[in-house]
Amino acid sequence: YMAVVGKMPEQITPKDWEAPPVTVDET
């Protein structure tokens, strides 16, 4: 990951949520 992407992914918190959780009913 570090060799290809170059940095670690970031972890989000609830304040970063932009949408309700994904459910199988919405597809």
mmCIF file of all heavy atoms, coordinates in Angstrom:
data_MODEL
# 
_entry.id   MODEL 
# 
loop_
_atom_site.group_PDB 
_atom_site.id 
_atom_site.type_symbol 
_atom_site.label_atom_id 
_atom_site.label_alt_id 
_atom_site.label_comp_id 
_atom_site.label_asym_id 
_atom_site.label_entity_id 
_atom_site.label_seq_id 
_atom_site.pdbx_PDB_ins_code 
_atom_site.Cartn_x 
_atom_site.Cartn_y 
_atom_site.Cartn_z 
_atom_site.occupancy 
_atom_site.B_iso_or_equiv 
_atom_site.pdbx_formal_charge 
_atom_site.auth_seq_id 
_atom_site.auth_comp_id 
_atom_site.auth_asym_id 
_atom_site.auth_atom_id 
_atom_site.pdbx_PDB_model_num 
ATOM 1   N N   . TYR A 1 1  ? 0.825   -1.203 0.000  1.00 0.00 ? 1  TYR A N   1 
ATOM 2   C CA  . TYR A 1 1  ? 0.000   0.000  0.000  1.00 0.00 ? 1  TYR A CA  1 
ATOM 3   C C   . TYR A 1 1  ? 0.864   1.261  0.000  1.00 0.00 ? 1  TYR A C   1 
ATOM 4   O O   . TYR A 1 1  ? 0.624   2.200  -0.752 1.00 0.00 ? 1  TYR A O   1 
ATOM 5   C CB  . TYR A 1 1  ? -0.947  -0.012 1.206  1.00 0.00 ? 1  TYR A CB  1 
ATOM 6   C CG  . TYR A 1 1  ? -2.154  0.881  1.027  1.00 0.00 ? 1  TYR A CG  1 
ATOM 7   C CD1 . TYR A 1 1  ? -3.306  0.396  0.439  1.00 0.00 ? 1  TYR A CD1 1 
ATOM 8   C CD2 . TYR A 1 1  ? -2.139  2.212  1.441  1.00 0.00 ? 1  TYR A CD2 1 
ATOM 9   C CE1 . TYR A 1 1  ? -4.416  1.206  0.268  1.00 0.00 ? 1  TYR A CE1 1 
ATOM 10  C CE2 . TYR A 1 1  ? -3.237  3.029  1.276  1.00 0.00 ? 1  TYR A CE2 1 
ATOM 11  C CZ  . TYR A 1 1  ? -4.380  2.520  0.685  1.00 0.00 ? 1  TYR A CZ  1 
ATOM 12  O OH  . TYR A 1 1  ? -5.463  3.322  0.508  1.00 0.00 ? 1  TYR A OH  1 
ATOM 13  N N   . MET A 1 2  ? 1.891   1.266  0.843  1.00 0.00 ? 2  MET A N   1 
ATOM 14  C CA  . MET A 1 2  ? 2.762   2.438  0.923  1.00 0.00 ? 2  MET A CA  1 
ATOM 15  C C   . MET A 1 2  ? 3.558   2.623  -0.368 1.00 0.00 ? 2  MET A C   1 
ATOM 16  O O   . MET A 1 2  ? 3.768   3.760  -0.818 1.00 0.00 ? 2  MET A O   1 
ATOM 17  C CB  . MET A 1 2  ? 3.706   2.325  2.121  1.00 0.00 ? 2  MET A CB  1 
ATOM 18  C CG  . MET A 1 2  ? 2.988   2.440  3.459  1.00 0.00 ? 2  MET A CG  1 
ATOM 19  S SD  . MET A 1 2  ? 2.078   3.980  3.672  1.00 0.00 ? 2  MET A SD  1 
ATOM 20  C CE  . MET A 1 2  ? 3.426   5.133  3.760  1.00 0.00 ? 2  MET A CE  1 
ATOM 21  N N   . ALA A 1 3  ? 3.982   1.527  -0.993 1.00 0.00 ? 3  ALA A N   1 
ATOM 22  C CA  . ALA A 1 3  ? 4.738   1.620  -2.239 1.00 0.00 ? 3  ALA A CA  1 
ATOM 23  C C   . ALA A 1 3  ? 3.874   2.105  -3.396 1.00 0.00 ? 3  ALA A C   1 
ATOM 24  O O   . ALA A 1 3  ? 4.316   2.882  -4.236 1.00 0.00 ? 3  ALA A O   1 
ATOM 25  C CB  . ALA A 1 3  ? 5.361   0.260  -2.575 1.00 0.00 ? 3  ALA A CB  1 
ATOM 26  N N   . VAL A 1 4  ? 2.622   1.668  -3.440 1.00 0.00 ? 4  VAL A N   1 
ATOM 27  C CA  . VAL A 1 4  ? 1.731   2.002  -4.557 1.00 0.00 ? 4  VAL A CA  1 
ATOM 28  C C   . VAL A 1 4  ? 0.961   3.296  -4.312 1.00 0.00 ? 4  VAL A C   1 
ATOM 29  O O   . VAL A 1 4  ? 0.898   4.173  -5.175 1.00 0.00 ? 4  VAL A O   1 
ATOM 30  C CB  . VAL A 1 4  ? 0.766   0.830  -4.852 1.00 0.00 ? 4  VAL A CB  1 
ATOM 31  C CG1 . VAL A 1 4  ? -0.262  1.212  -5.898 1.00 0.00 ? 4  VAL A CG1 1 
ATOM 32  C CG2 . VAL A 1 4  ? 1.558   -0.399 -5.281 1.00 0.00 ? 4  VAL A CG2 1 
ATOM 33  N N   . VAL A 1 5  ? 0.369   3.430  -3.127 1.00 0.00 ? 5  VAL A N   1 
ATOM 34  C CA  . VAL A 1 5  ? -0.467  4.597  -2.821 1.00 0.00 ? 5  VAL A CA  1 
ATOM 35  C C   . VAL A 1 5  ? 0.373   5.738  -2.245 1.00 0.00 ? 5  VAL A C   1 
ATOM 36  O O   . VAL A 1 5  ? 0.118   6.906  -2.528 1.00 0.00 ? 5  VAL A O   1 
ATOM 37  C CB  . VAL A 1 5  ? -1.621  4.201  -1.861 1.00 0.00 ? 5  VAL A CB  1 
ATOM 38  C CG1 . VAL A 1 5  ? -2.478  5.403  -1.502 1.00 0.00 ? 5  VAL A CG1 1 
ATOM 39  C CG2 . VAL A 1 5  ? -2.469  3.103  -2.482 1.00 0.00 ? 5  VAL A CG2 1 
ATOM 40  N N   . GLY A 1 6  ? 1.341   5.390  -1.416 1.00 0.00 ? 6  GLY A N   1 
ATOM 41  C CA  . GLY A 1 6  ? 2.245   6.404  -0.891 1.00 0.00 ? 6  GLY A CA  1 
ATOM 42  C C   . GLY A 1 6  ? 1.914   6.956  0.477  1.00 0.00 ? 6  GLY A C   1 
ATOM 43  O O   . GLY A 1 6  ? 2.726   7.642  1.082  1.00 0.00 ? 6  GLY A O   1 
ATOM 44  N N   . LYS A 1 7  ? 0.707   6.685  0.959  1.00 0.00 ? 7  LYS A N   1 
ATOM 45  C CA  . LYS A 1 7  ? 0.331   7.138  2.305  1.00 0.00 ? 7  LYS A CA  1 
ATOM 46  C C   . LYS A 1 7  ? -0.754  6.223  2.840  1.00 0.00 ? 7  LYS A C   1 
ATOM 47  O O   . LYS A 1 7  ? -1.487  5.593  2.084  1.00 0.00 ? 7  LYS A O   1 
ATOM 48  C CB  . LYS A 1 7  ? -0.142  8.587  2.306  1.00 0.00 ? 7  LYS A CB  1 
ATOM 49  C CG  . LYS A 1 7  ? -1.417  8.829  1.521  1.00 0.00 ? 7  LYS A CG  1 
ATOM 50  C CD  . LYS A 1 7  ? -1.866  10.278 1.610  1.00 0.00 ? 7  LYS A CD  1 
ATOM 51  C CE  . LYS A 1 7  ? -3.215  10.417 0.913  1.00 0.00 ? 7  LYS A CE  1 
ATOM 52  N NZ  . LYS A 1 7  ? -3.853  11.661 1.192  1.00 0.00 ? 7  LYS A NZ  1 
ATOM 53  N N   . MET A 1 8  ? -0.846  6.181  4.153  1.00 0.00 ? 8  MET A N   1 
ATOM 54  C CA  . MET A 1 8  ? -1.863  5.346  4.806  1.00 0.00 ? 8  MET A CA  1 
ATOM 55  C C   . MET A 1 8  ? -3.245  5.969  4.591  1.00 0.00 ? 8  MET A C   1 
ATOM 56  O O   . MET A 1 8  ? -3.374  7.202  4.541  1.00 0.00 ? 8  MET A O   1 
ATOM 57  C CB  . MET A 1 8  ? -1.580  5.239  6.304  1.00 0.00 ? 8  MET A CB  1 
ATOM 58  C CG  . MET A 1 8  ? -0.287  4.526  6.645  1.00 0.00 ? 8  MET A CG  1 
ATOM 59  S SD  . MET A 1 8  ? -0.338  2.769  6.303  1.00 0.00 ? 8  MET A SD  1 
ATOM 60  C CE  . MET A 1 8  ? -1.205  2.187  7.769  1.00 0.00 ? 8  MET A CE  1 
ATOM 61  N N   . PRO A 1 9  ? -4.294  5.131  4.490  1.00 0.00 ? 9  PRO A N   1 
ATOM 62  C CA  . PRO A 1 9  ? -5.647  5.675  4.385  1.00 0.00 ? 9  PRO A CA  1 
ATOM 63  C C   . PRO A 1 9  ? -6.049  6.344  5.695  1.00 0.00 ? 9  PRO A C   1 
ATOM 64  O O   . PRO A 1 9  ? -5.505  6.042  6.752  1.00 0.00 ? 9  PRO A O   1 
ATOM 65  C CB  . PRO A 1 9  ? -6.516  4.441  4.112  1.00 0.00 ? 9  PRO A CB  1 
ATOM 66  C CG  . PRO A 1 9  ? -5.726  3.289  4.610  1.00 0.00 ? 9  PRO A CG  1 
ATOM 67  C CD  . PRO A 1 9  ? -4.287  3.665  4.490  1.00 0.00 ? 9  PRO A CD  1 
ATOM 68  N N   . GLU A 1 10 ? -6.972  7.271  5.607  1.00 0.00 ? 10 GLU A N   1 
ATOM 69  C CA  . GLU A 1 10 ? -7.440  7.970  6.801  1.00 0.00 ? 10 GLU A CA  1 
ATOM 70  C C   . GLU A 1 10 ? -8.669  7.289  7.376  1.00 0.00 ? 10 GLU A C   1 
ATOM 71  O O   . GLU A 1 10 ? -9.477  6.726  6.649  1.00 0.00 ? 10 GLU A O   1 
ATOM 72  C CB  . GLU A 1 10 ? -7.769  9.422  6.465  1.00 0.00 ? 10 GLU A CB  1 
ATOM 73  C CG  . GLU A 1 10 ? -6.537  10.222 6.076  1.00 0.00 ? 10 GLU A CG  1 
ATOM 74  C CD  . GLU A 1 10 ? -6.851  11.685 5.848  1.00 0.00 ? 10 GLU A CD  1 
ATOM 75  O OE1 . GLU A 1 10 ? -7.855  12.187 6.385  1.00 0.00 ? 10 GLU A OE1 1 
ATOM 76  O OE2 . GLU A 1 10 ? -6.074  12.317 5.128  1.00 0.00 ? 10 GLU A OE2 1 
ATOM 77  N N   . GLN A 1 11 ? -8.801  7.367  8.684  1.00 0.00 ? 11 GLN A N   1 
ATOM 78  C CA  . GLN A 1 11 ? -9.977  6.840  9.369  1.00 0.00 ? 11 GLN A CA  1 
ATOM 79  C C   . GLN A 1 11 ? -10.919 8.006  9.636  1.00 0.00 ? 11 GLN A C   1 
ATOM 80  O O   . GLN A 1 11 ? -10.495 9.057  10.112 1.00 0.00 ? 11 GLN A O   1 
ATOM 81  C CB  . GLN A 1 11 ? -9.578  6.176  10.683 1.00 0.00 ? 11 GLN A CB  1 
ATOM 82  C CG  . GLN A 1 11 ? -10.748 5.560  11.417 1.00 0.00 ? 11 GLN A CG  1 
ATOM 83  C CD  . GLN A 1 11 ? -10.317 4.787  12.661 1.00 0.00 ? 11 GLN A CD  1 
ATOM 84  O OE1 . GLN A 1 11 ? -9.146  4.764  13.021 1.00 0.00 ? 11 GLN A OE1 1 
ATOM 85  N NE2 . GLN A 1 11 ? -11.267 4.145  13.300 1.00 0.00 ? 11 GLN A NE2 1 
ATOM 86  N N   . ILE A 1 12 ? -12.208 7.822  9.310  1.00 0.00 ? 12 ILE A N   1 
ATOM 87  C CA  . ILE A 1 12 ? -13.193 8.874  9.536  1.00 0.00 ? 12 ILE A CA  1 
ATOM 88  C C   . ILE A 1 12 ? -13.888 8.669  10.880 1.00 0.00 ? 12 ILE A C   1 
ATOM 89  O O   . ILE A 1 12 ? -13.767 7.620  11.501 1.00 0.00 ? 12 ILE A O   1 
ATOM 90  C CB  . ILE A 1 12 ? -14.230 8.951  8.396  1.00 0.00 ? 12 ILE A CB  1 
ATOM 91  C CG1 . ILE A 1 12 ? -15.073 7.664  8.329  1.00 0.00 ? 12 ILE A CG1 1 
ATOM 92  C CG2 . ILE A 1 12 ? -13.553 9.252  7.066  1.00 0.00 ? 12 ILE A CG2 1 
ATOM 93  C CD1 . ILE A 1 12 ? -16.286 7.763  7.435  1.00 0.00 ? 12 ILE A CD1 1 
ATOM 94  N N   . THR A 1 13 ? -14.616 9.682  11.292 1.00 0.00 ? 13 THR A N   1 
ATOM 95  C CA  . THR A 1 13 ? -15.416 9.636  12.513 1.00 0.00 ? 13 THR A CA  1 
ATOM 96  C C   . THR A 1 13 ? -16.852 9.998  12.142 1.00 0.00 ? 13 THR A C   1 
ATOM 97  O O   . THR A 1 13 ? -17.108 10.455 11.023 1.00 0.00 ? 13 THR A O   1 
ATOM 98  C CB  . THR A 1 13 ? -14.880 10.642 13.558 1.00 0.00 ? 13 THR A CB  1 
ATOM 99  O OG1 . THR A 1 13 ? -15.018 11.966 13.030 1.00 0.00 ? 13 THR A OG1 1 
ATOM 100 C CG2 . THR A 1 13 ? -13.419 10.364 13.892 1.00 0.00 ? 13 THR A CG2 1 
ATOM 101 N N   . PRO A 1 14 ? -17.803 9.813  13.051 1.00 0.00 ? 14 PRO A N   1 
ATOM 102 C CA  . PRO A 1 14 ? -19.198 10.135 12.726 1.00 0.00 ? 14 PRO A CA  1 
ATOM 103 C C   . PRO A 1 14 ? -19.407 11.553 12.183 1.00 0.00 ? 14 PRO A C   1 
ATOM 104 O O   . PRO A 1 14 ? -20.297 11.771 11.362 1.00 0.00 ? 14 PRO A O   1 
ATOM 105 C CB  . PRO A 1 14 ? -19.916 9.934  14.059 1.00 0.00 ? 14 PRO A CB  1 
ATOM 106 C CG  . PRO A 1 14 ? -19.140 8.840  14.715 1.00 0.00 ? 14 PRO A CG  1 
ATOM 107 C CD  . PRO A 1 14 ? -17.697 9.154  14.360 1.00 0.00 ? 14 PRO A CD  1 
ATOM 108 N N   . LYS A 1 15 ? -18.587 12.500 12.567 1.00 0.00 ? 15 LYS A N   1 
ATOM 109 C CA  . LYS A 1 15 ? -18.770 13.872 12.043 1.00 0.00 ? 15 LYS A CA  1 
ATOM 110 C C   . LYS A 1 15 ? -18.489 13.955 10.538 1.00 0.00 ? 15 LYS A C   1 
ATOM 111 O O   . LYS A 1 15 ? -18.898 14.905 9.879  1.00 0.00 ? 15 LYS A O   1 
ATOM 112 C CB  . LYS A 1 15 ? -17.911 14.866 12.804 1.00 0.00 ? 15 LYS A CB  1 
ATOM 113 C CG  . LYS A 1 15 ? -16.427 14.729 12.598 1.00 0.00 ? 15 LYS A CG  1 
ATOM 114 C CD  . LYS A 1 15 ? -15.671 15.808 13.358 1.00 0.00 ? 15 LYS A CD  1 
ATOM 115 C CE  . LYS A 1 15 ? -14.182 15.668 13.223 1.00 0.00 ? 15 LYS A CE  1 
ATOM 116 N NZ  . LYS A 1 15 ? -13.652 15.582 11.882 1.00 0.00 ? 15 LYS A NZ  1 
ATOM 117 N N   . ASP A 1 16 ? -17.809 12.934 9.993  1.00 0.00 ? 16 ASP A N   1 
ATOM 118 C CA  . ASP A 1 16 ? -17.468 12.912 8.571  1.00 0.00 ? 16 ASP A CA  1 
ATOM 119 C C   . ASP A 1 16 ? -18.522 12.234 7.698  1.00 0.00 ? 16 ASP A C   1 
ATOM 120 O O   . ASP A 1 16 ? -18.412 12.241 6.476  1.00 0.00 ? 16 ASP A O   1 
ATOM 121 C CB  . ASP A 1 16 ? -16.123 12.192 8.360  1.00 0.00 ? 16 ASP A CB  1 
ATOM 122 C CG  . ASP A 1 16 ? -14.984 12.865 9.086  1.00 0.00 ? 16 ASP A CG  1 
ATOM 123 O OD1 . ASP A 1 16 ? -14.835 14.092 8.960  1.00 0.00 ? 16 ASP A OD1 1 
ATOM 124 O OD2 . ASP A 1 16 ? -14.236 12.153 9.797  1.00 0.00 ? 16 ASP A OD2 1 
ATOM 125 N N   . TRP A 1 17 ? -19.525 11.610 8.320  1.00 0.00 ? 17 TRP A N   1 
ATOM 126 C CA  . TRP A 1 17 ? -20.534 10.886 7.552  1.00 0.00 ? 17 TRP A CA  1 
ATOM 127 C C   . TRP A 1 17 ? -21.355 11.845 6.702  1.00 0.00 ? 17 TRP A C   1 
ATOM 128 O O   . TRP A 1 17 ? -21.822 12.873 7.171  1.00 0.00 ? 17 TRP A O   1 
ATOM 129 C CB  . TRP A 1 17 ? -21.442 10.081 8.470  1.00 0.00 ? 17 TRP A CB  1 
ATOM 130 C CG  . TRP A 1 17 ? -20.734 8.987  9.218  1.00 0.00 ? 17 TRP A CG  1 
ATOM 131 C CD1 . TRP A 1 17 ? -19.500 8.464  8.948  1.00 0.00 ? 17 TRP A CD1 1 
ATOM 132 C CD2 . TRP A 1 17 ? -21.211 8.300  10.369 1.00 0.00 ? 17 TRP A CD2 1 
ATOM 133 N NE1 . TRP A 1 17 ? -19.191 7.484  9.856  1.00 0.00 ? 17 TRP A NE1 1 
ATOM 134 C CE2 . TRP A 1 17 ? -20.218 7.358  10.747 1.00 0.00 ? 17 TRP A CE2 1 
ATOM 135 C CE3 . TRP A 1 17 ? -22.366 8.383  11.120 1.00 0.00 ? 17 TRP A CE3 1 
ATOM 136 C CZ2 . TRP A 1 17 ? -20.365 6.511  11.828 1.00 0.00 ? 17 TRP A CZ2 1 
ATOM 137 C CZ3 . TRP A 1 17 ? -22.516 7.540  12.204 1.00 0.00 ? 17 TRP A CZ3 1 
ATOM 138 C CH2 . TRP A 1 17 ? -21.527 6.611  12.550 1.00 0.00 ? 17 TRP A CH2 1 
ATOM 139 N N   . GLU A 1 18 ? -21.537 11.478 5.426  1.00 0.00 ? 18 GLU A N   1 
ATOM 140 C CA  . GLU A 1 18 ? -22.276 12.312 4.478  1.00 0.00 ? 18 GLU A CA  1 
ATOM 141 C C   . GLU A 1 18 ? -23.600 11.686 4.043  1.00 0.00 ? 18 GLU A C   1 
ATOM 142 O O   . GLU A 1 18 ? -24.377 12.334 3.351  1.00 0.00 ? 18 GLU A O   1 
ATOM 143 C CB  . GLU A 1 18 ? -21.419 12.533 3.223  1.00 0.00 ? 18 GLU A CB  1 
ATOM 144 C CG  . GLU A 1 18 ? -20.071 13.136 3.514  1.00 0.00 ? 18 GLU A CG  1 
ATOM 145 C CD  . GLU A 1 18 ? -19.141 13.057 2.323  1.00 0.00 ? 18 GLU A CD  1 
ATOM 146 O OE1 . GLU A 1 18 ? -18.774 11.936 1.922  1.00 0.00 ? 18 GLU A OE1 1 
ATOM 147 O OE2 . GLU A 1 18 ? -18.797 14.125 1.810  1.00 0.00 ? 18 GLU A OE2 1 
ATOM 148 N N   . ALA A 1 19 ? -23.827 10.447 4.424  1.00 0.00 ? 19 ALA A N   1 
ATOM 149 C CA  . ALA A 1 19 ? -25.019 9.736  3.965  1.00 0.00 ? 19 ALA A CA  1 
ATOM 150 C C   . ALA A 1 19 ? -25.414 8.681  5.001  1.00 0.00 ? 19 ALA A C   1 
ATOM 151 O O   . ALA A 1 19 ? -24.594 8.295  5.829  1.00 0.00 ? 19 ALA A O   1 
ATOM 152 C CB  . ALA A 1 19 ? -24.723 9.056  2.630  1.00 0.00 ? 19 ALA A CB  1 
ATOM 153 N N   . PRO A 1 20 ? -26.655 8.204  4.929  1.00 0.00 ? 20 PRO A N   1 
ATOM 154 C CA  . PRO A 1 20 ? -27.049 7.105  5.820  1.00 0.00 ? 20 PRO A CA  1 
ATOM 155 C C   . PRO A 1 20 ? -26.315 5.828  5.413  1.00 0.00 ? 20 PRO A C   1 
ATOM 156 O O   . PRO A 1 20 ? -25.775 5.739  4.313  1.00 0.00 ? 20 PRO A O   1 
ATOM 157 C CB  . PRO A 1 20 ? -28.554 6.981  5.585  1.00 0.00 ? 20 PRO A CB  1 
ATOM 158 C CG  . PRO A 1 20 ? -28.799 7.586  4.257  1.00 0.00 ? 20 PRO A CG  1 
ATOM 159 C CD  . PRO A 1 20 ? -27.750 8.632  4.068  1.00 0.00 ? 20 PRO A CD  1 
ATOM 160 N N   . PRO A 1 21 ? -26.279 4.836  6.297  1.00 0.00 ? 21 PRO A N   1 
ATOM 161 C CA  . PRO A 1 21 ? -25.588 3.582  5.959  1.00 0.00 ? 21 PRO A CA  1 
ATOM 162 C C   . PRO A 1 21 ? -26.198 2.914  4.735  1.00 0.00 ? 21 PRO A C   1 
ATOM 163 O O   . PRO A 1 21 ? -27.390 3.053  4.464  1.00 0.00 ? 21 PRO A O   1 
ATOM 164 C CB  . PRO A 1 21 ? -25.778 2.707  7.194  1.00 0.00 ? 21 PRO A CB  1 
ATOM 165 C CG  . PRO A 1 21 ? -26.636 3.437  8.130  1.00 0.00 ? 21 PRO A CG  1 
ATOM 166 C CD  . PRO A 1 21 ? -26.896 4.802  7.601  1.00 0.00 ? 21 PRO A CD  1 
ATOM 167 N N   . VAL A 1 22 ? -25.372 2.208  4.011  1.00 0.00 ? 22 VAL A N   1 
ATOM 168 C CA  . VAL A 1 22 ? -25.832 1.469  2.832  1.00 0.00 ? 22 VAL A CA  1 
ATOM 169 C C   . VAL A 1 22 ? -26.635 0.266  3.300  1.00 0.00 ? 22 VAL A C   1 
ATOM 170 O O   . VAL A 1 22 ? -26.268 -0.407 4.265  1.00 0.00 ? 22 VAL A O   1 
ATOM 171 C CB  . VAL A 1 22 ? -24.624 0.994  1.992  1.00 0.00 ? 22 VAL A CB  1 
ATOM 172 C CG1 . VAL A 1 22 ? -25.078 0.102  0.850  1.00 0.00 ? 22 VAL A CG1 1 
ATOM 173 C CG2 . VAL A 1 22 ? -23.845 2.178  1.462  1.00 0.00 ? 22 VAL A CG2 1 
ATOM 174 N N   . THR A 1 23 ? -27.750 0.013  2.620  1.00 0.00 ? 23 THR A N   1 
ATOM 175 C CA  . THR A 1 23 ? -28.561 -1.170 2.902  1.00 0.00 ? 23 THR A CA  1 
ATOM 176 C C   . THR A 1 23 ? -28.808 -1.917 1.599  1.00 0.00 ? 23 THR A C   1 
ATOM 177 O O   . THR A 1 23 ? -28.768 -1.325 0.516  1.00 0.00 ? 23 THR A O   1 
ATOM 178 C CB  . THR A 1 23 ? -29.925 -0.804 3.524  1.00 0.00 ? 23 THR A CB  1 
ATOM 179 O OG1 . THR A 1 23 ? -30.679 -0.056 2.560  1.00 0.00 ? 23 THR A OG1 1 
ATOM 180 C CG2 . THR A 1 23 ? -29.755 0.011  4.787  1.00 0.00 ? 23 THR A CG2 1 
ATOM 181 N N   . VAL A 1 24 ? -29.053 -3.190 1.689  1.00 0.00 ? 24 VAL A N   1 
ATOM 182 C CA  . VAL A 1 24 ? -29.301 -3.973 0.472  1.00 0.00 ? 24 VAL A CA  1 
ATOM 183 C C   . VAL A 1 24 ? -30.618 -3.589 -0.187 1.00 0.00 ? 24 VAL A C   1 
ATOM 184 O O   . VAL A 1 24 ? -30.815 -3.836 -1.366 1.00 0.00 ? 24 VAL A O   1 
ATOM 185 C CB  . VAL A 1 24 ? -29.259 -5.493 0.741  1.00 0.00 ? 24 VAL A CB  1 
ATOM 186 C CG1 . VAL A 1 24 ? -27.882 -5.925 1.162  1.00 0.00 ? 24 VAL A CG1 1 
ATOM 187 C CG2 . VAL A 1 24 ? -30.282 -5.902 1.761  1.00 0.00 ? 24 VAL A CG2 1 
ATOM 188 N N   . ASP A 1 25 ? -31.510 -2.952 0.542  1.00 0.00 ? 25 ASP A N   1 
ATOM 189 C CA  . ASP A 1 25 ? -32.811 -2.585 -0.010 1.00 0.00 ? 25 ASP A CA  1 
ATOM 190 C C   . ASP A 1 25 ? -32.717 -1.464 -1.043 1.00 0.00 ? 25 ASP A C   1 
ATOM 191 O O   . ASP A 1 25 ? -33.640 -1.287 -1.826 1.00 0.00 ? 25 ASP A O   1 
ATOM 192 C CB  . ASP A 1 25 ? -33.758 -2.131 1.113  1.00 0.00 ? 25 ASP A CB  1 
ATOM 193 C CG  . ASP A 1 25 ? -34.024 -3.240 2.119  1.00 0.00 ? 25 ASP A CG  1 
ATOM 194 O OD1 . ASP A 1 25 ? -33.952 -4.416 1.717  1.00 0.00 ? 25 ASP A OD1 1 
ATOM 195 O OD2 . ASP A 1 25 ? -34.292 -2.936 3.279  1.00 0.00 ? 25 ASP A OD2 1 
ATOM 196 N N   . GLU A 1 26 ? -31.620 -0.719 -1.074 1.00 0.00 ? 26 GLU A N   1 
ATOM 197 C CA  . GLU A 1 26 ? -31.564 0.424  -1.972 1.00 0.00 ? 26 GLU A CA  1 
ATOM 198 C C   . GLU A 1 26 ? -31.037 0.092  -3.358 1.00 0.00 ? 26 GLU A C   1 
ATOM 199 O O   . GLU A 1 26 ? -30.953 0.950  -4.204 1.00 0.00 ? 26 GLU A O   1 
ATOM 200 C CB  . GLU A 1 26 ? -30.739 1.557  -1.364 1.00 0.00 ? 26 GLU A CB  1 
ATOM 201 C CG  . GLU A 1 26 ? -29.268 1.263  -1.179 1.00 0.00 ? 26 GLU A CG  1 
ATOM 202 C CD  . GLU A 1 26 ? -28.545 2.387  -0.465 1.00 0.00 ? 26 GLU A CD  1 
ATOM 203 O OE1 . GLU A 1 26 ? -28.578 2.411  0.763  1.00 0.00 ? 26 GLU A OE1 1 
ATOM 204 O OE2 . GLU A 1 26 ? -27.988 3.245  -1.155 1.00 0.00 ? 26 GLU A OE2 1 
ATOM 205 N N   . THR A 1 27 ? -30.687 -1.156 -3.620 1.00 0.00 ? 27 THR A N   1 
ATOM 206 C CA  . THR A 1 27 ? -30.189 -1.493 -4.941 1.00 0.00 ? 27 THR A CA  1 
ATOM 207 C C   . THR A 1 27 ? -31.284 -2.111 -5.810 1.00 0.00 ? 27 THR A C   1 
ATOM 208 O O   . THR A 1 27 ? -31.885 -3.093 -5.428 1.00 0.00 ? 27 THR A O   1 
ATOM 209 C CB  . THR A 1 27 ? -28.964 -2.433 -4.860 1.00 0.00 ? 27 THR A CB  1 
ATOM 210 O OG1 . THR A 1 27 ? -28.563 -2.742 -6.189 1.00 0.00 ? 27 THR A OG1 1 
ATOM 211 C CG2 . THR A 1 27 ? -29.229 -3.704 -4.119 1.00 0.00 ? 27 THR A CG2 1 
# 
